[in-house]
Amino acid sequence: MSPSVVTHPAVQTLLQTLIAPQAAQLDREPMSLHRAFQALGSHGCLGLKASKEWGGQAWEAQAIYEFTEQLARYSGALVFLQSQHQRCVQELSNSDNLELKQKYLRAAISGRIGLGVGFSHLRRKQQPVMAQETAGGYVFNGMVPWITGFGIFQHWMLAAQLPDGRAVFVLAPFHPVETALTFSEPMQLAALASTQTVTATLQNWLAPQALVLDIKPPGWIQTADRGYPLTHNCFALGCAQGGLDILAKAQSSALPAIGETYKRLSSEVNQCREATYRTLATPSAERLRLRAWAIDLAVRCGHGAVIVSRGAANFSDHPAQRVYREALAFSVSGQSNQMMHASLTQLARL
């Protein structure tokens, strides 16, 4: 059976009356995006995996994925921004560093502060940033290639490999620290640009022990990838639904092909969604195929939205243009080599 949509009235009101009407604005204005992020906090939606003891919501996995999918339907920028924050909140909630939790966790769950992440580079064979244990903490050197939320978030989770292969995770400030920690200008991205993605350069930056969130074993991120959470599938499925919404509005008795296309794509999205949620209890390589299918659907639904919107879709703030750009961004978010292979296999079948 297809999973139900998140039905909490406050959440539905937030998504449909606050987020959806300003989707174009959220896509281009970081400050508007920041305010929408804070609205998620005031509605109890920024600590979904955090324990109730610390003010979190501790939602079940399916409810989290349903919420993620619905938010992606209305704003790719906001769903991506909050996913970075939710990931750091989860690590902070699970951390043994009680002092750090007391200082930041409740404020992060409420949206009073924002937390980014910088650890995807751990997937690379050649590590761009390394850490070395020293008296009282860890020294970091190198470049972190991708951190979202500059000017919106106040802190971010920095991870780097240690000489023995383990990875140290610390909470770093999201502002320059003399010459030790500097940030690039926000990248000029084709999609999700309002999320303010930057790189960070570290030159002997010392993170004291008090900022350490966790030390993870060698190969941690590869093991996590094999478990393969569904978040990225939900990004793509929500984006596909955003494209379907545009197709639905364009239906016309004079052009029956639009309605037929909407019907067929909608049916396929539902099939992919049902198959995806069935894998919740059984993480496996099947999720790779399902994510590749969801990506393919996001691109096709986004393309369909462009086609039925005609020339107007070429305007940068048109909903179809935004959805299509988001489909491209979600095609590569959190991509591993295995995921690339699955996506290319899906393409070759078409």
Protein backbone atom coordinates (compact mmCIF):
# COMPACT_ATOMS: atom_id res chain seq x y z
CA MET A 1 0.00 0.00 0.00
CA SER A 2 1.24 3.48 -0.79
CA PRO A 3 2.46 5.35 2.31
CA SER A 4 0.15 8.07 3.54
CA VAL A 5 1.09 11.71 3.24
CA VAL A 6 2.10 13.42 6.49
CA THR A 7 -1.30 14.50 7.77
CA HIS A 8 -0.47 16.69 10.76
CA PRO A 9 -2.55 19.84 10.13
CA ALA A 10 0.23 22.23 11.17
CA VAL A 11 2.71 20.52 8.83
CA GLN A 12 0.26 20.57 5.92
CA THR A 13 -0.51 24.24 6.53
CA LEU A 14 3.19 25.02 6.61
CA LEU A 15 3.90 23.20 3.34
CA GLN A 16 0.89 24.33 1.34
CA THR A 17 0.32 27.89 2.55
CA LEU A 18 3.82 29.08 3.45
CA ILE A 19 6.38 27.02 1.50
CA ALA A 20 4.63 26.29 -1.81
CA PRO A 21 3.57 29.89 -2.65
CA GLN A 22 7.10 31.22 -2.26
CA ALA A 23 9.01 28.38 -3.93
CA ALA A 24 10.59 30.70 -6.53
CA GLN A 25 11.64 33.15 -3.84
CA LEU A 26 13.18 30.39 -1.73
CA ASP A 27 15.08 29.24 -4.78
CA ARG A 28 16.84 32.58 -5.27
CA GLU A 29 16.89 34.45 -1.93
CA PRO A 30 19.04 33.07 0.93
CA MET A 31 17.33 35.23 3.55
CA SER A 32 13.87 34.03 2.52
CA LEU A 33 15.21 30.50 2.67
CA HIS A 34 16.57 31.20 6.14
CA ARG A 35 13.17 32.39 7.35
CA ALA A 36 11.49 29.31 5.91
CA PHE A 37 14.10 27.14 7.65
CA GLN A 38 13.28 28.85 10.95
CA ALA A 39 9.57 28.23 10.28
CA LEU A 40 10.32 24.52 10.08
CA GLY A 41 11.84 24.80 13.54
CA SER A 42 8.86 26.63 15.00
CA HIS A 43 6.61 23.88 13.59
CA GLY A 44 8.67 21.11 15.23
CA CYS A 45 10.28 19.80 12.05
CA LEU A 46 14.04 20.24 12.62
CA GLY A 47 14.79 17.45 15.07
CA LEU A 48 13.00 14.58 13.39
CA LYS A 49 15.62 11.97 14.42
CA ALA A 50 16.62 13.58 17.72
CA SER A 51 15.48 12.15 21.03
CA LYS A 52 12.46 13.65 22.79
CA GLU A 53 14.63 14.04 25.90
CA TRP A 54 16.39 16.91 24.12
CA GLY A 55 13.30 18.38 22.49
CA GLY A 56 13.45 16.32 19.32
CA GLN A 57 10.55 14.67 17.54
CA ALA A 58 11.94 11.10 17.29
CA TRP A 59 9.73 10.32 14.31
CA GLU A 60 9.58 6.84 12.84
CA ALA A 61 11.60 6.38 9.64
CA GLN A 62 8.60 6.24 7.32
CA ALA A 63 7.17 9.51 8.65
CA ILE A 64 10.54 11.22 8.13
CA TYR A 65 10.77 10.01 4.55
CA GLU A 66 7.17 11.03 3.82
CA PHE A 67 7.87 14.51 5.18
CA THR A 68 11.09 14.76 3.15
CA GLU A 69 9.27 13.75 -0.02
CA GLN A 70 6.49 16.27 0.52
CA LEU A 71 8.93 19.10 1.27
CA ALA A 72 10.91 18.23 -1.88
CA ARG A 73 7.67 18.49 -3.83
CA TYR A 74 7.34 22.16 -2.89
CA SER A 75 10.93 23.42 -2.50
CA GLY A 76 14.13 21.66 -3.48
CA ALA A 77 16.24 24.38 -1.87
CA LEU A 78 14.53 24.08 1.50
CA VAL A 79 14.47 20.29 1.58
CA PHE A 80 18.17 20.15 0.76
CA LEU A 81 19.10 22.84 3.31
CA GLN A 82 17.16 21.25 6.14
CA SER A 83 18.52 17.79 5.30
CA GLN A 84 22.04 19.06 6.00
CA HIS A 85 20.87 20.45 9.34
CA GLN A 86 18.93 17.28 10.24
CA ARG A 87 22.05 15.18 9.59
CA CYS A 88 24.16 17.26 11.94
CA VAL A 89 21.40 17.33 14.57
CA GLN A 90 21.26 13.53 14.39
CA GLU A 91 25.01 13.25 15.00
CA LEU A 92 24.82 15.76 17.82
CA SER A 93 21.91 13.90 19.40
CA ASN A 94 23.86 10.62 19.25
CA SER A 95 27.12 12.15 20.49
CA ASP A 96 28.64 11.29 23.87
CA ASN A 97 29.78 14.91 24.21
CA LEU A 98 27.23 16.02 26.80
CA GLU A 99 28.59 19.56 27.07
CA LEU A 100 28.28 20.09 23.31
CA LYS A 101 24.73 18.75 23.32
CA GLN A 102 23.71 21.00 26.19
CA LYS A 103 25.13 24.02 24.42
CA TYR A 104 23.69 23.50 20.93
CA LEU A 105 21.14 20.70 20.56
CA ARG A 106 17.93 22.35 21.77
CA ALA A 107 18.73 25.56 19.89
CA ALA A 108 19.33 23.52 16.71
CA ILE A 109 16.09 21.57 17.07
CA SER A 110 14.10 24.78 17.48
CA GLY A 111 15.79 26.45 14.48
CA ARG A 112 17.41 29.20 16.56
CA ILE A 113 20.74 28.04 15.11
CA GLY A 114 21.52 26.12 11.93
CA LEU A 115 24.06 23.35 11.45
CA GLY A 116 25.68 22.31 8.17
CA VAL A 117 27.77 19.29 7.24
CA GLY A 118 31.06 18.69 5.47
CA PHE A 119 31.89 14.99 5.24
CA SER A 120 30.94 13.73 1.75
CA HIS A 121 34.62 13.94 0.77
CA LEU A 122 35.25 10.87 2.94
CA ARG A 123 34.02 8.86 -0.07
CA ARG A 124 37.06 9.96 -2.10
CA LYS A 125 40.17 7.85 -2.53
CA GLN A 126 42.38 10.92 -2.25
CA GLN A 127 41.33 12.83 0.86
CA PRO A 128 41.29 16.63 0.37
CA VAL A 129 41.48 17.32 4.12
CA MET A 130 43.26 15.41 6.88
CA ALA A 131 43.33 15.60 10.68
CA GLN A 132 46.07 14.86 13.17
CA GLU A 133 45.57 14.29 16.89
CA THR A 134 47.47 16.68 19.10
CA ALA A 135 47.51 17.74 22.73
CA GLY A 136 43.99 18.82 23.63
CA GLY A 137 42.33 18.17 20.29
CA TYR A 138 42.83 17.76 16.54
CA VAL A 139 44.57 19.84 13.88
CA PHE A 140 42.98 20.04 10.42
CA ASN A 141 44.66 20.82 7.10
CA GLY A 142 43.27 20.84 3.58
CA MET A 143 40.11 21.82 1.75
CA VAL A 144 36.50 20.76 2.32
CA PRO A 145 34.89 20.93 -1.14
CA TRP A 146 31.19 21.23 -0.28
CA ILE A 147 29.40 22.86 2.68
CA THR A 148 25.86 24.20 2.38
CA GLY A 149 24.35 27.03 4.42
CA PHE A 150 26.96 29.81 4.56
CA GLY A 151 25.34 32.94 5.97
CA ILE A 152 22.32 30.86 7.04
CA PHE A 153 23.85 28.34 9.45
CA GLN A 154 26.11 29.21 12.39
CA HIS A 155 28.10 25.96 12.69
CA TRP A 156 28.89 22.89 10.60
CA MET A 157 30.03 19.33 11.14
CA LEU A 158 33.58 18.94 9.83
CA ALA A 159 34.95 15.45 9.25
CA ALA A 160 38.46 14.40 8.26
CA GLN A 161 40.40 11.19 8.07
CA LEU A 162 43.07 10.44 10.66
CA PRO A 163 46.36 8.70 9.76
CA ASP A 164 45.00 5.35 11.01
CA GLY A 165 41.95 5.54 8.71
CA ARG A 166 39.43 6.56 11.33
CA ALA A 167 37.42 9.76 10.84
CA VAL A 168 37.07 12.51 13.43
CA PHE A 169 33.90 14.63 13.45
CA VAL A 170 33.91 18.05 15.10
CA LEU A 171 31.58 21.05 15.27
CA ALA A 172 33.24 23.97 13.50
CA PRO A 173 32.21 27.65 13.30
CA PHE A 174 30.68 28.87 10.04
CA HIS A 175 32.72 32.07 10.01
CA PRO A 176 36.40 32.71 9.21
CA VAL A 177 38.99 32.16 11.97
CA GLU A 178 41.94 34.42 11.06
CA THR A 179 44.03 32.47 8.54
CA ALA A 180 43.27 29.02 9.99
CA LEU A 181 39.72 28.63 8.64
CA THR A 182 38.53 30.51 5.56
CA PHE A 183 35.59 30.14 3.18
CA SER A 184 35.09 30.75 -0.52
CA GLU A 185 32.38 32.94 -1.96
CA PRO A 186 29.09 31.04 -2.46
CA MET A 187 29.23 28.91 -5.59
CA GLN A 188 27.28 29.97 -8.67
CA LEU A 189 25.23 26.79 -8.92
CA ALA A 190 22.64 26.09 -11.62
CA ALA A 191 20.25 24.69 -8.99
CA LEU A 192 19.75 25.26 -5.26
CA ALA A 193 22.01 28.32 -5.38
CA SER A 194 20.17 30.04 -2.51
CA THR A 195 21.48 27.35 -0.15
CA GLN A 196 24.84 29.17 -0.21
CA THR A 197 27.30 26.33 -0.85
CA VAL A 198 30.98 27.10 -0.22
CA THR A 199 34.35 25.44 0.19
CA ALA A 200 36.46 25.73 3.34
CA THR A 201 40.24 25.91 3.56
CA LEU A 202 41.94 24.82 6.79
CA GLN A 203 45.52 25.65 7.69
CA ASN A 204 46.50 24.14 11.03
CA TRP A 205 43.05 24.82 12.44
CA LEU A 206 42.84 23.40 15.96
CA ALA A 207 39.57 21.91 17.14
CA PRO A 208 39.72 21.37 20.89
CA GLN A 209 38.46 18.12 22.37
CA ALA A 210 35.37 19.98 23.57
CA LEU A 211 34.17 20.27 19.94
CA VAL A 212 34.53 16.57 19.07
CA LEU A 213 31.25 14.90 18.11
CA ASP A 214 32.51 11.42 17.32
CA ILE A 215 35.36 9.24 16.08
CA LYS A 216 34.19 6.76 13.46
CA PRO A 217 35.98 3.58 12.32
CA PRO A 218 37.82 3.19 8.98
CA GLY A 219 35.44 2.78 6.03
CA TRP A 220 32.53 4.20 7.99
CA ILE A 221 31.00 6.12 5.09
CA GLN A 222 31.21 3.15 2.71
CA THR A 223 29.40 1.02 5.30
CA ALA A 224 26.78 3.74 5.72
CA ASP A 225 26.31 3.92 1.94
CA ARG A 226 25.64 0.18 1.80
CA GLY A 227 22.88 0.64 4.36
CA TYR A 228 21.62 3.29 1.96
CA PRO A 229 19.04 5.51 3.64
CA LEU A 230 16.12 6.55 1.49
CA THR A 231 16.56 10.31 1.83
CA HIS A 232 17.90 10.81 -1.68
CA ASN A 233 15.15 8.62 -3.15
CA CYS A 234 12.63 10.91 -1.45
CA PHE A 235 14.29 14.02 -2.89
CA ALA A 236 13.79 12.61 -6.38
CA LEU A 237 10.27 11.31 -5.76
CA GLY A 238 9.18 14.64 -4.32
CA CYS A 239 10.73 16.47 -7.26
CA ALA A 240 8.88 14.14 -9.65
CA GLN A 241 5.64 15.01 -7.89
CA GLY A 242 6.44 18.69 -8.30
CA GLY A 243 6.66 18.13 -12.04
CA LEU A 244 3.40 16.18 -12.00
CA ASP A 245 1.67 19.07 -10.23
CA ILE A 246 2.54 21.32 -13.17
CA LEU A 247 1.35 18.71 -15.68
CA ALA A 248 -1.92 18.33 -13.77
CA LYS A 249 -2.65 22.07 -13.94
CA ALA A 250 -1.90 22.11 -17.68
CA GLN A 251 -4.47 19.43 -18.56
CA SER A 252 -6.90 20.50 -21.25
CA SER A 253 -9.65 18.85 -23.24
CA ALA A 254 -8.09 20.42 -26.32
CA LEU A 255 -4.80 18.61 -25.65
CA PRO A 256 -5.66 15.13 -24.31
CA ALA A 257 -2.02 14.02 -24.56
CA ILE A 258 -1.20 16.10 -21.48
CA GLY A 259 -3.76 14.24 -19.37
CA GLU A 260 -2.61 10.86 -20.70
CA THR A 261 1.02 11.68 -19.98
CA TYR A 262 0.13 12.86 -16.47
CA LYS A 263 -1.82 9.66 -15.84
CA ARG A 264 0.99 7.36 -16.97
CA LEU A 265 3.77 9.22 -15.19
CA SER A 266 1.71 9.52 -12.00
CA SER A 267 1.09 5.77 -12.02
CA GLU A 268 4.80 5.07 -12.47
CA VAL A 269 5.76 7.47 -9.66
CA ASN A 270 3.32 5.66 -7.36
CA GLN A 271 4.82 2.30 -8.31
CA CYS A 272 8.33 3.55 -7.60
CA ARG A 273 7.21 5.06 -4.29
CA GLU A 274 5.52 1.85 -3.15
CA ALA A 275 8.55 -0.25 -4.09
CA THR A 276 10.88 2.21 -2.34
CA TYR A 277 8.98 2.22 0.94
CA ARG A 278 8.78 -1.58 0.93
CA THR A 279 12.57 -1.63 1.30
CA LEU A 280 12.49 0.31 4.59
CA ALA A 281 13.03 -2.83 6.67
CA THR A 282 15.42 -4.50 4.25
CA PRO A 283 18.31 -2.25 3.14
CA SER A 284 19.84 -3.79 0.04
CA ALA A 285 21.30 -3.06 -3.38
CA GLU A 286 17.68 -2.93 -4.59
CA ARG A 287 17.59 0.61 -3.24
CA LEU A 288 20.21 1.62 -5.78
CA ARG A 289 17.97 0.52 -8.63
CA LEU A 290 14.98 2.24 -7.06
CA ARG A 291 16.87 5.49 -6.60
CA ALA A 292 17.99 5.34 -10.24
CA TRP A 293 14.35 4.86 -11.20
CA ALA A 294 13.27 7.79 -8.98
CA ILE A 295 15.94 10.02 -10.55
CA ASP A 296 14.77 9.03 -14.03
CA LEU A 297 11.20 9.88 -13.05
CA ALA A 298 12.18 13.26 -11.60
CA VAL A 299 13.92 14.18 -14.84
CA ARG A 300 11.07 12.95 -17.04
CA CYS A 301 8.37 14.62 -14.94
CA GLY A 302 10.42 17.83 -14.83
CA HIS A 303 10.92 17.67 -18.59
CA GLY A 304 7.21 17.09 -19.09
CA ALA A 305 6.51 20.17 -16.96
CA VAL A 306 8.85 22.20 -19.18
CA ILE A 307 7.18 20.96 -22.36
CA VAL A 308 3.62 21.76 -21.30
CA SER A 309 4.72 25.17 -19.98
CA ARG A 310 5.98 26.07 -23.47
CA GLY A 311 8.37 29.00 -23.84
CA ALA A 312 7.52 30.38 -20.41
CA ALA A 313 9.54 27.52 -18.91
CA ASN A 314 12.68 29.23 -20.15
CA PHE A 315 12.28 31.97 -17.55
CA SER A 316 14.56 31.25 -14.60
CA ASP A 317 11.84 31.71 -11.98
CA HIS A 318 9.20 29.62 -13.74
CA PRO A 319 8.10 26.59 -11.64
CA ALA A 320 8.89 24.14 -14.44
CA GLN A 321 12.41 25.56 -14.85
CA ARG A 322 13.02 25.29 -11.11
CA VAL A 323 11.71 21.71 -10.89
CA TYR A 324 13.81 20.61 -13.88
CA ARG A 325 16.96 22.14 -12.35
CA GLU A 326 16.20 20.44 -9.06
CA ALA A 327 15.85 17.10 -10.86
CA LEU A 328 19.37 17.56 -12.23
CA ALA A 329 20.71 18.44 -8.77
CA PHE A 330 19.03 15.45 -7.11
CA SER A 331 20.48 13.19 -9.81
CA VAL A 332 23.92 13.55 -8.23
CA SER A 333 23.29 14.43 -4.56
CA GLY A 334 25.12 11.97 -2.32
CA GLN A 335 26.32 10.06 -5.36
CA SER A 336 28.68 7.11 -4.96
CA ASN A 337 30.31 5.15 -7.78
CA GLN A 338 27.73 2.41 -7.26
CA MET A 339 24.92 4.94 -7.59
CA MET A 340 26.43 6.37 -10.75
CA HIS A 341 26.54 2.86 -12.21
CA ALA A 342 22.88 2.27 -11.32
CA SER A 343 21.84 5.57 -12.90
CA LEU A 344 23.77 4.88 -16.10
CA THR A 345 22.25 1.39 -16.27
CA GLN A 346 18.80 2.96 -15.98
CA LEU A 347 19.61 5.39 -18.79
CA ALA A 348 20.88 2.62 -21.06
CA ARG A 349 17.56 0.80 -20.75
CA LEU A 350 15.60 3.72 -22.20
